[in-house]
C-alpha atoms as a PDB file:
ATOM      1  CA  MET A   1      -0.273   5.164   6.148  1.00  0.00           C
ATOM      2  CA  ASP A   2       0.795   1.530   6.500  1.00  0.00           C
ATOM      3  CA  ILE A   3       3.652   0.515   4.212  1.00  0.00           C
ATOM      4  CA  ILE A   4       4.167  -3.226   3.742  1.00  0.00           C
ATOM      5  CA  VAL A   5       7.186  -4.519   1.840  1.00  0.00           C
ATOM      6  CA  LYS A   6       7.171  -8.062   0.482  1.00  0.00           C
ATOM      7  CA  PRO A   7      10.093  -9.943  -1.122  1.00  0.00           C
ATOM      8  CA  ASN A   8       8.554 -10.260  -4.579  1.00  0.00           C
ATOM      9  CA  TYR A   9       5.499  -9.736  -6.780  1.00  0.00           C
ATOM     10  CA  GLU A  10       3.876 -13.033  -5.784  1.00  0.00           C
ATOM     11  CA  GLU A  11       4.031 -12.255  -2.061  1.00  0.00           C
ATOM     12  CA  MET A  12       2.857  -8.701  -2.675  1.00  0.00           C
ATOM     13  CA  SER A  13      -0.134 -10.006  -4.626  1.00  0.00           C
ATOM     14  CA  LYS A  14      -1.047 -12.528  -1.927  1.00  0.00           C
ATOM     15  CA  CYS A  15      -0.876  -9.846   0.752  1.00  0.00           C
ATOM     16  CA  ALA A  16      -3.132  -7.529  -1.245  1.00  0.00           C
ATOM     17  CA  ALA A  17      -5.631 -10.319  -1.915  1.00  0.00           C
ATOM     18  CA  GLU A  18      -5.759 -11.165   1.791  1.00  0.00           C
ATOM     19  CA  ILE A  19      -6.558  -7.541   2.614  1.00  0.00           C
ATOM     20  CA  ILE A  20      -9.361  -7.436   0.031  1.00  0.00           C
ATOM     21  CA  ALA A  21     -10.713 -10.813   1.156  1.00  0.00           C
ATOM     22  CA  GLY A  22     -10.789  -9.513   4.724  1.00  0.00           C
ATOM     23  CA  PHE A  23     -13.090  -6.680   3.676  1.00  0.00           C
ATOM     24  CA  ILE A  24     -15.371  -9.080   1.822  1.00  0.00           C
ATOM     25  CA  ARG A  25     -15.600 -11.476   4.760  1.00  0.00           C
ATOM     26  CA  SER A  26     -16.318  -8.717   7.267  1.00  0.00           C
ATOM     27  CA  LYS A  27     -18.837  -6.970   4.994  1.00  0.00           C
ATOM     28  CA  PRO A  28     -20.197  -9.334   2.299  1.00  0.00           C
ATOM     29  CA  ASP A  29     -21.937  -6.481   0.452  1.00  0.00           C
ATOM     30  CA  CYS A  30     -18.896  -4.211   0.499  1.00  0.00           C
ATOM     31  CA  VAL A  31     -18.179  -1.788  -2.347  1.00  0.00           C
ATOM     32  CA  LEU A  32     -14.788  -2.297  -3.981  1.00  0.00           C
ATOM     33  CA  GLY A  33     -13.052   0.148  -6.278  1.00  0.00           C
ATOM     34  CA  LEU A  34     -11.008  -1.836  -8.796  1.00  0.00           C
ATOM     35  CA  ALA A  35      -8.019  -1.083 -11.003  1.00  0.00           C
ATOM     36  CA  THR A  36      -6.673  -2.432 -14.289  1.00  0.00           C
ATOM     37  CA  GLY A  37      -3.141  -2.777 -15.623  1.00  0.00           C
ATOM     38  CA  SER A  38      -0.484  -5.414 -15.059  1.00  0.00           C
ATOM     39  CA  THR A  39       0.067  -4.717 -11.345  1.00  0.00           C
ATOM     40  CA  PRO A  40      -3.209  -6.128  -9.932  1.00  0.00           C
ATOM     41  CA  ILE A  41      -3.298  -9.266 -12.105  1.00  0.00           C
ATOM     42  CA  GLY A  42      -1.566 -11.366  -9.446  1.00  0.00           C
ATOM     43  CA  THR A  43      -3.961 -10.064  -6.808  1.00  0.00           C
ATOM     44  CA  TYR A  44      -6.961 -10.967  -8.952  1.00  0.00           C
ATOM     45  CA  ARG A  45      -5.578 -14.459  -9.570  1.00  0.00           C
ATOM     46  CA  GLU A  46      -5.181 -14.996  -5.840  1.00  0.00           C
ATOM     47  CA  LEU A  47      -8.752 -13.784  -5.223  1.00  0.00           C
ATOM     48  CA  ILE A  48      -9.956 -16.246  -7.865  1.00  0.00           C
ATOM     49  CA  ARG A  49      -8.059 -19.021  -6.075  1.00  0.00           C
ATOM     50  CA  MET A  50      -9.641 -18.007  -2.766  1.00  0.00           C
ATOM     51  CA  HIS A  51     -13.081 -18.106  -4.375  1.00  0.00           C
ATOM     52  CA  LYS A  52     -12.583 -21.540  -5.917  1.00  0.00           C
ATOM     53  CA  GLU A  53     -10.654 -23.207  -3.099  1.00  0.00           C
ATOM     54  CA  GLU A  54     -11.776 -21.364   0.033  1.00  0.00           C
ATOM     55  CA  GLY A  55     -15.289 -20.290  -0.890  1.00  0.00           C
ATOM     56  CA  LEU A  56     -14.671 -16.537  -0.902  1.00  0.00           C
ATOM     57  CA  ASP A  57     -18.123 -15.234  -1.804  1.00  0.00           C
ATOM     58  CA  PHE A  58     -18.543 -12.311  -4.223  1.00  0.00           C
ATOM     59  CA  SER A  59     -22.310 -12.678  -4.642  1.00  0.00           C
ATOM     60  CA  GLN A  60     -23.128  -9.472  -2.751  1.00  0.00           C
ATOM     61  CA  VAL A  61     -19.991  -7.505  -3.588  1.00  0.00           C
ATOM     62  CA  ARG A  62     -20.433  -4.360  -5.670  1.00  0.00           C
ATOM     63  CA  THR A  63     -17.585  -2.923  -7.752  1.00  0.00           C
ATOM     64  CA  PHE A  64     -16.676   0.339  -9.451  1.00  0.00           C
ATOM     65  CA  ASN A  65     -13.733   0.457 -11.829  1.00  0.00           C
ATOM     66  CA  LEU A  66     -11.467   3.464 -11.994  1.00  0.00           C
ATOM     67  CA  ASP A  67     -11.377   4.086 -15.720  1.00  0.00           C
ATOM     68  CA  GLU A  68     -11.944   3.124 -19.341  1.00  0.00           C
ATOM     69  CA  TYR A  69     -10.684   4.331 -22.697  1.00  0.00           C
ATOM     70  CA  LEU A  70     -13.057   6.694 -24.471  1.00  0.00           C
ATOM     71  CA  GLY A  71     -14.383   5.153 -27.676  1.00  0.00           C
ATOM     72  CA  VAL A  72     -13.736   1.575 -26.513  1.00  0.00           C
ATOM     73  CA  GLY A  73     -16.100  -1.073 -25.163  1.00  0.00           C
ATOM     74  CA  MET A  74     -15.977  -4.798 -24.514  1.00  0.00           C
ATOM     75  CA  ASP A  75     -16.480  -6.956 -27.593  1.00  0.00           C
ATOM     76  CA  LEU A  76     -16.731 -10.645 -26.690  1.00  0.00           C
ATOM     77  CA  SER A  77     -16.618 -11.596 -30.378  1.00  0.00           C
ATOM     78  CA  LYS A  78     -12.947 -10.576 -30.481  1.00  0.00           C
ATOM     79  CA  PRO A  79     -10.046 -12.545 -29.040  1.00  0.00           C
ATOM     80  CA  TYR A  80      -8.814 -11.115 -25.751  1.00  0.00           C
ATOM     81  CA  GLU A  81      -5.611  -9.718 -27.226  1.00  0.00           C
ATOM     82  CA  GLN A  82      -7.550  -7.792 -29.895  1.00  0.00           C
ATOM     83  CA  ASP A  83      -9.971  -6.143 -27.464  1.00  0.00           C
ATOM     84  CA  GLN A  84      -8.062  -3.668 -25.344  1.00  0.00           C
ATOM     85  CA  SER A  85     -11.012  -2.313 -23.355  1.00  0.00           C
ATOM     86  CA  TYR A  86     -10.664  -2.290 -19.600  1.00  0.00           C
ATOM     87  CA  ALA A  87     -14.103  -3.896 -19.426  1.00  0.00           C
ATOM     88  CA  ARG A  88     -12.725  -6.889 -21.316  1.00  0.00           C
ATOM     89  CA  PHE A  89      -9.639  -6.939 -19.083  1.00  0.00           C
ATOM     90  CA  MET A  90     -11.782  -7.129 -15.940  1.00  0.00           C
ATOM     91  CA  TYR A  91     -13.999  -9.820 -17.443  1.00  0.00           C
ATOM     92  CA  GLU A  92     -11.052 -12.000 -18.440  1.00  0.00           C
ATOM     93  CA  GLU A  93      -8.851 -11.407 -15.391  1.00  0.00           C
ATOM     94  CA  LEU A  94     -11.495 -11.541 -12.658  1.00  0.00           C
ATOM     95  CA  PHE A  95     -15.232 -11.345 -13.220  1.00  0.00           C
ATOM     96  CA  LYS A  96     -15.809 -14.468 -15.321  1.00  0.00           C
ATOM     97  CA  HIS A  97     -14.008 -16.579 -12.694  1.00  0.00           C
ATOM     98  CA  ILE A  98     -16.019 -15.529  -9.613  1.00  0.00           C
ATOM     99  CA  ASN A  99     -19.671 -15.447  -8.559  1.00  0.00           C
ATOM    100  CA  ILE A 100     -20.184 -11.686  -8.782  1.00  0.00           C
ATOM    101  CA  LYS A 101     -23.529 -10.538 -10.169  1.00  0.00           C
ATOM    102  CA  LYS A 102     -23.455  -8.677 -13.461  1.00  0.00           C
ATOM    103  CA  GLU A 103     -25.703  -5.926 -12.121  1.00  0.00           C
ATOM    104  CA  ASN A 104     -23.213  -5.249  -9.321  1.00  0.00           C
ATOM    105  CA  ILE A 105     -20.365  -4.459 -11.730  1.00  0.00           C
ATOM    106  CA  HIS A 106     -19.801  -0.832 -12.731  1.00  0.00           C
ATOM    107  CA  ILE A 107     -17.213   0.165 -15.345  1.00  0.00           C
ATOM    108  CA  PRO A 108     -17.084   3.540 -17.122  1.00  0.00           C
ATOM    109  CA  ASP A 109     -18.825   3.331 -20.495  1.00  0.00           C
ATOM    110  CA  GLY A 110     -16.226   4.168 -23.116  1.00  0.00           C
ATOM    111  CA  LEU A 111     -18.902   4.071 -25.822  1.00  0.00           C
ATOM    112  CA  THR A 112     -21.178   6.666 -24.271  1.00  0.00           C
ATOM    113  CA  LYS A 113     -22.384   9.397 -26.626  1.00  0.00           C
ATOM    114  CA  GLU A 114     -22.638  11.881 -23.741  1.00  0.00           C
ATOM    115  CA  PRO A 115     -19.438  11.556 -21.709  1.00  0.00           C
ATOM    116  CA  LYS A 116     -20.092  14.515 -19.411  1.00  0.00           C
ATOM    117  CA  LYS A 117     -23.523  13.239 -18.402  1.00  0.00           C
ATOM    118  CA  PHE A 118     -22.159   9.745 -17.953  1.00  0.00           C
ATOM    119  CA  CYS A 119     -19.421  11.011 -15.628  1.00  0.00           C
ATOM    120  CA  GLU A 120     -22.023  12.782 -13.492  1.00  0.00           C
ATOM    121  CA  TRP A 121     -24.114   9.594 -13.441  1.00  0.00           C
ATOM    122  CA  TYR A 122     -21.114   7.512 -12.377  1.00  0.00           C
ATOM    123  CA  GLU A 123     -20.450   9.811  -9.448  1.00  0.00           C
ATOM    124  CA  ASP A 124     -24.121   9.536  -8.441  1.00  0.00           C
ATOM    125  CA  GLU A 125     -24.007   5.729  -8.635  1.00  0.00           C
ATOM    126  CA  ILE A 126     -21.034   5.613  -6.268  1.00  0.00           C
ATOM    127  CA  LYS A 127     -22.942   7.780  -3.812  1.00  0.00           C
ATOM    128  CA  LYS A 128     -26.082   5.636  -4.145  1.00  0.00           C
ATOM    129  CA  ALA A 129     -23.993   2.568  -3.317  1.00  0.00           C
ATOM    130  CA  GLY A 130     -22.942   4.227  -0.081  1.00  0.00           C
ATOM    131  CA  GLY A 131     -19.441   5.104  -1.246  1.00  0.00           C
ATOM    132  CA  ILE A 132     -16.424   2.882  -1.824  1.00  0.00           C
ATOM    133  CA  ASP A 133     -15.261   0.785   1.132  1.00  0.00           C
ATOM    134  CA  LEU A 134     -11.873  -0.140  -0.333  1.00  0.00           C
ATOM    135  CA  GLN A 135     -10.225   1.381  -3.387  1.00  0.00           C
ATOM    136  CA  LEU A 136      -7.506  -0.667  -5.083  1.00  0.00           C
ATOM    137  CA  LEU A 137      -4.889   1.414  -6.894  1.00  0.00           C
ATOM    138  CA  GLY A 138      -1.717   1.030  -8.882  1.00  0.00           C
ATOM    139  CA  ILE A 139       0.624   3.879  -9.762  1.00  0.00           C
ATOM    140  CA  GLY A 140       1.786   4.933 -13.212  1.00  0.00           C
ATOM    141  CA  ARG A 141       5.447   5.533 -13.998  1.00  0.00           C
ATOM    142  CA  ASP A 142       4.713   9.284 -14.038  1.00  0.00           C
ATOM    143  CA  GLY A 143       2.957   9.023 -10.678  1.00  0.00           C
ATOM    144  CA  HIS A 144      -0.656   8.990 -11.808  1.00  0.00           C
ATOM    145  CA  TRP A 145      -3.634   7.251 -10.219  1.00  0.00           C
ATOM    146  CA  ALA A 146      -6.161   5.878 -12.726  1.00  0.00           C
ATOM    147  CA  PHE A 147      -5.890   8.277 -15.692  1.00  0.00           C
ATOM    148  CA  ASN A 148      -5.337  11.357 -13.534  1.00  0.00           C
ATOM    149  CA  GLU A 149      -2.340  12.543 -15.512  1.00  0.00           C
ATOM    150  CA  PRO A 150       0.274  14.988 -14.156  1.00  0.00           C
ATOM    151  CA  GLY A 151      -1.343  18.364 -13.561  1.00  0.00           C
ATOM    152  CA  SER A 152      -4.748  16.935 -12.685  1.00  0.00           C
ATOM    153  CA  SER A 153      -6.462  18.706  -9.813  1.00  0.00           C
ATOM    154  CA  LEU A 154      -6.245  16.868  -6.506  1.00  0.00           C
ATOM    155  CA  ALA A 155      -9.930  17.745  -6.070  1.00  0.00           C
ATOM    156  CA  SER A 156     -10.951  16.391  -9.500  1.00  0.00           C
ATOM    157  CA  ARG A 157     -14.056  14.272 -10.080  1.00  0.00           C
ATOM    158  CA  THR A 158     -14.933  11.631 -12.688  1.00  0.00           C
ATOM    159  CA  ARG A 159     -14.332  13.177 -16.106  1.00  0.00           C
ATOM    160  CA  VAL A 160     -12.812  12.788 -19.587  1.00  0.00           C
ATOM    161  CA  GLN A 161      -9.011  13.058 -19.499  1.00  0.00           C
ATOM    162  CA  ALA A 162      -6.502  13.438 -22.335  1.00  0.00           C
ATOM    163  CA  LEU A 163      -3.656  10.921 -22.017  1.00  0.00           C
ATOM    164  CA  THR A 164       0.002  11.919 -21.862  1.00  0.00           C
ATOM    165  CA  LYS A 165       2.711  10.628 -24.166  1.00  0.00           C
ATOM    166  CA  GLN A 166       4.183   8.623 -21.249  1.00  0.00           C
ATOM    167  CA  THR A 167       0.869   6.841 -20.648  1.00  0.00           C
ATOM    168  CA  LEU A 168       0.347   6.212 -24.350  1.00  0.00           C
ATOM    169  CA  ASP A 169       3.866   4.816 -24.695  1.00  0.00           C
ATOM    170  CA  ASP A 170       3.508   2.564 -21.625  1.00  0.00           C
ATOM    171  CA  ASN A 171       0.112   1.223 -22.640  1.00  0.00           C
ATOM    172  CA  TYR A 172       1.193   0.673 -26.213  1.00  0.00           C
ATOM    173  CA  GLU A 173       4.143  -1.455 -25.135  1.00  0.00           C
ATOM    174  CA  SER A 174       2.117  -3.356 -22.529  1.00  0.00           C
ATOM    175  CA  PHE A 175      -1.075  -4.019 -24.464  1.00  0.00           C
ATOM    176  CA  TYR A 176      -1.469  -2.656 -27.984  1.00  0.00           C
ATOM    177  CA  LYS A 177       1.824  -3.579 -29.628  1.00  0.00           C
ATOM    178  CA  LYS A 178       1.462  -7.313 -28.977  1.00  0.00           C
ATOM    179  CA  ALA A 179      -2.090  -7.158 -30.349  1.00  0.00           C
ATOM    180  CA  GLY A 180      -0.801  -5.781 -33.647  1.00  0.00           C
ATOM    181  CA  ILE A 181      -2.620  -2.465 -33.192  1.00  0.00           C
ATOM    182  CA  LYS A 182      -0.932   0.622 -34.597  1.00  0.00           C
ATOM    183  CA  ARG A 183       0.061   3.270 -32.101  1.00  0.00           C
ATOM    184  CA  GLU A 184      -1.915   5.951 -33.920  1.00  0.00           C
ATOM    185  CA  ASP A 185      -5.038   3.821 -33.543  1.00  0.00           C
ATOM    186  CA  MET A 186      -4.841   3.817 -29.745  1.00  0.00           C
ATOM    187  CA  PRO A 187      -7.452   5.856 -27.832  1.00  0.00           C
ATOM    188  CA  HIS A 188      -6.016   9.190 -26.711  1.00  0.00           C
ATOM    189  CA  PHE A 189      -8.756   9.993 -24.181  1.00  0.00           C
ATOM    190  CA  ALA A 190     -10.253   8.135 -21.243  1.00  0.00           C
ATOM    191  CA  ILE A 191     -12.985   8.392 -18.640  1.00  0.00           C
ATOM    192  CA  THR A 192     -11.443   8.341 -15.187  1.00  0.00           C
ATOM    193  CA  MET A 193     -12.442   8.725 -11.572  1.00  0.00           C
ATOM    194  CA  GLY A 194     -10.915  11.920 -10.208  1.00  0.00           C
ATOM    195  CA  ILE A 195      -8.469  12.242  -7.338  1.00  0.00           C
ATOM    196  CA  GLY A 196     -11.200  13.833  -5.232  1.00  0.00           C
ATOM    197  CA  THR A 197     -13.453  10.849  -5.948  1.00  0.00           C
ATOM    198  CA  ILE A 198     -10.713   8.367  -5.020  1.00  0.00           C
ATOM    199  CA  LEU A 199      -9.920  10.166  -1.756  1.00  0.00           C
ATOM    200  CA  GLU A 200     -13.542   9.744  -0.640  1.00  0.00           C
ATOM    201  CA  ALA A 201     -13.082   5.963  -0.395  1.00  0.00           C
ATOM    202  CA  ARG A 202     -13.065   4.795   3.223  1.00  0.00           C
ATOM    203  CA  ASN A 203      -9.877   2.781   2.661  1.00  0.00           C
ATOM    204  CA  ILE A 204      -7.142   2.811   0.040  1.00  0.00           C
ATOM    205  CA  LEU A 205      -4.882  -0.067  -1.020  1.00  0.00           C
ATOM    206  CA  MET A 206      -2.058   0.936  -3.375  1.00  0.00           C
ATOM    207  CA  LEU A 207       0.240  -1.611  -5.047  1.00  0.00           C
ATOM    208  CA  ALA A 208       3.541  -1.210  -6.889  1.00  0.00           C
ATOM    209  CA  ASN A 209       6.186  -3.644  -8.044  1.00  0.00           C
ATOM    210  CA  GLY A 210       9.408  -3.629 -10.006  1.00  0.00           C
ATOM    211  CA  ILE A 211      12.449  -1.387 -10.164  1.00  0.00           C
ATOM    212  CA  LYS A 212      10.809   0.812 -12.810  1.00  0.00           C
ATOM    213  CA  LYS A 213       8.368   2.056 -10.174  1.00  0.00           C
ATOM    214  CA  ALA A 214      10.968   2.702  -7.442  1.00  0.00           C
ATOM    215  CA  ASP A 215      11.612   6.391  -8.183  1.00  0.00           C
ATOM    216  CA  VAL A 216       7.972   7.356  -8.493  1.00  0.00           C
ATOM    217  CA  VAL A 217       6.971   5.358  -5.396  1.00  0.00           C
ATOM    218  CA  ALA A 218       9.543   7.325  -3.395  1.00  0.00           C
ATOM    219  CA  LYS A 219       8.218  10.612  -4.772  1.00  0.00           C
ATOM    220  CA  CYS A 220       4.634   9.574  -4.029  1.00  0.00           C
ATOM    221  CA  ILE A 221       5.249   8.557  -0.410  1.00  0.00           C
ATOM    222  CA  GLU A 222       8.146  10.798   0.660  1.00  0.00           C
ATOM    223  CA  GLY A 223       8.162  13.694  -1.790  1.00  0.00           C
ATOM    224  CA  PRO A 224       6.043  16.844  -1.794  1.00  0.00           C
ATOM    225  CA  VAL A 225       2.309  16.633  -2.417  1.00  0.00           C
ATOM    226  CA  THR A 226       1.876  17.884  -5.959  1.00  0.00           C
ATOM    227  CA  SER A 227      -0.526  17.612  -8.857  1.00  0.00           C
ATOM    228  CA  GLN A 228       2.476  16.597 -10.976  1.00  0.00           C
ATOM    229  CA  ILE A 229       2.507  13.295  -9.026  1.00  0.00           C
ATOM    230  CA  THR A 230      -1.207  12.773  -8.497  1.00  0.00           C
ATOM    231  CA  ALA A 231      -0.654   9.652  -6.377  1.00  0.00           C
ATOM    232  CA  SER A 232       1.101  11.885  -3.819  1.00  0.00           C
ATOM    233  CA  ALA A 233      -2.436  12.790  -2.726  1.00  0.00           C
ATOM    234  CA  ILE A 234      -2.188   9.640  -0.588  1.00  0.00           C
ATOM    235  CA  GLN A 235      -0.274  11.841   1.889  1.00  0.00           C
ATOM    236  CA  LEU A 236      -3.441  13.912   2.357  1.00  0.00           C
ATOM    237  CA  TYR A 237      -5.669  10.900   2.840  1.00  0.00           C
ATOM    238  CA  GLY A 238      -7.434  10.735   6.193  1.00  0.00           C
ATOM    239  CA  GLY A 239      -8.773   7.183   6.030  1.00  0.00           C
ATOM    240  CA  GLY A 240      -7.017   3.827   6.204  1.00  0.00           C
ATOM    241  CA  ALA A 241      -4.276   3.789   3.583  1.00  0.00           C
ATOM    242  CA  THR A 242      -2.137   0.708   2.972  1.00  0.00           C
ATOM    243  CA  VAL A 243       0.711   0.557   0.453  1.00  0.00           C
ATOM    244  CA  VAL A 244       2.015  -2.899  -0.495  1.00  0.00           C
ATOM    245  CA  LEU A 245       5.306  -2.995  -2.399  1.00  0.00           C
ATOM    246  CA  ASP A 246       7.827  -5.563  -3.503  1.00  0.00           C
ATOM    247  CA  GLU A 247      11.477  -5.054  -2.562  1.00  0.00           C
ATOM    248  CA  GLU A 248      12.377  -3.500  -5.905  1.00  0.00           C
ATOM    249  CA  ALA A 249       9.592  -0.905  -5.865  1.00  0.00           C
ATOM    250  CA  ALA A 250      10.492  -0.015  -2.268  1.00  0.00           C
ATOM    251  CA  SER A 251      14.230   0.234  -2.903  1.00  0.00           C
ATOM    252  CA  LYS A 252      14.417   4.052  -3.286  1.00  0.00           C
ATOM    253  CA  LEU A 253      12.491   4.877  -0.093  1.00  0.00           C
ATOM    254  CA  LYS A 254      14.726   6.859   2.279  1.00  0.00           C
ATOM    255  CA  ASN A 255      12.889   5.583   5.349  1.00  0.00           C
ATOM    256  CA  LEU A 256      12.625   1.970   4.182  1.00  0.00           C
ATOM    257  CA  GLU A 257      14.143   0.450   7.314  1.00  0.00           C
ATOM    258  CA  TYR A 258      11.786   2.449   9.506  1.00  0.00           C
ATOM    259  CA  TYR A 259       8.758   1.257   7.515  1.00  0.00           C
ATOM    260  CA  LYS A 260       9.916  -2.349   7.871  1.00  0.00           C
ATOM    261  CA  HIS A 261      10.421  -1.844  11.611  1.00  0.00           C
ATOM    262  CA  VAL A 262       6.921  -0.407  12.042  1.00  0.00           C
ATOM    263  CA  GLU A 263       5.426  -3.274  10.033  1.00  0.00           C
ATOM    264  CA  LYS A 264       7.214  -5.824  12.230  1.00  0.00           C
ATOM    265  CA  MET A 265       6.098  -4.102  15.450  1.00  0.00           C
ATOM    266  CA  LYS A 266       2.495  -4.067  14.275  1.00  0.00           C
ATOM    267  CA  ARG A 267       2.654  -7.768  13.475  1.00  0.00           C
ATOM    268  CA  ASP A 268       4.337  -8.612  16.781  1.00  0.00           C
ATOM    269  CA  TYR A 269       1.862  -6.626  18.873  1.00  0.00           C
ATOM    270  CA  GLY A 270      -1.229  -7.421  16.788  1.00  0.00           C
ATOM    271  CA  PHE A 271      -1.986  -3.859  15.705  1.00  0.00           C
END
């Protein structure tokens, strides 16, 4: 696991975007797993800049998003702040600004009438695409990846997941409250890729920023592997895992100085 610590959110986002751009340049038809939430917004903005100013080409890139609220779908007739679907988030924050093809975008269908069948189909589509080359991840304040809430099996697949009070509270404050949506009207279920699905990606890129994430980042990277912190499954991952943090998110790591030393040695020796 490579742990990279940057001074602030902006530098963290640039670093993450450079890693993603490297995959696209080396394999133009690569398959990216994408995440929503506030953490990757800076990364997406830097990718948009690279596309517009440096010609980063998304025309062959294929994407699979981690999750979507059940009962929610993108409605372009609504203002952005009134449509809280993750499909709308991805459209506004990334897809409408780059040259990705619509048919290459895959996001869980929150409006499906047969969620179980859809989840099985989504898994099959990932396999048909050849698997995910690079999976972008954030981490929730309770240590979850996607909507794999505490207690989720570390072998879980794409499925419908009930959301915890912590997730509902966080998402309400971040997205629904400012849109004037009542808390009781929030979706309480979501479709999510499972931990087992995520761990099948050939590479993982996890991002975290801010002091509020410091405790859970330390538990994820240095604590025991447990289904109560589903992101701790990164310790079991056998592929190429990179964690990019800002100084605040990294501040509770016991081995922080060692991680910084290793990062410097790798840069100095070109590893």
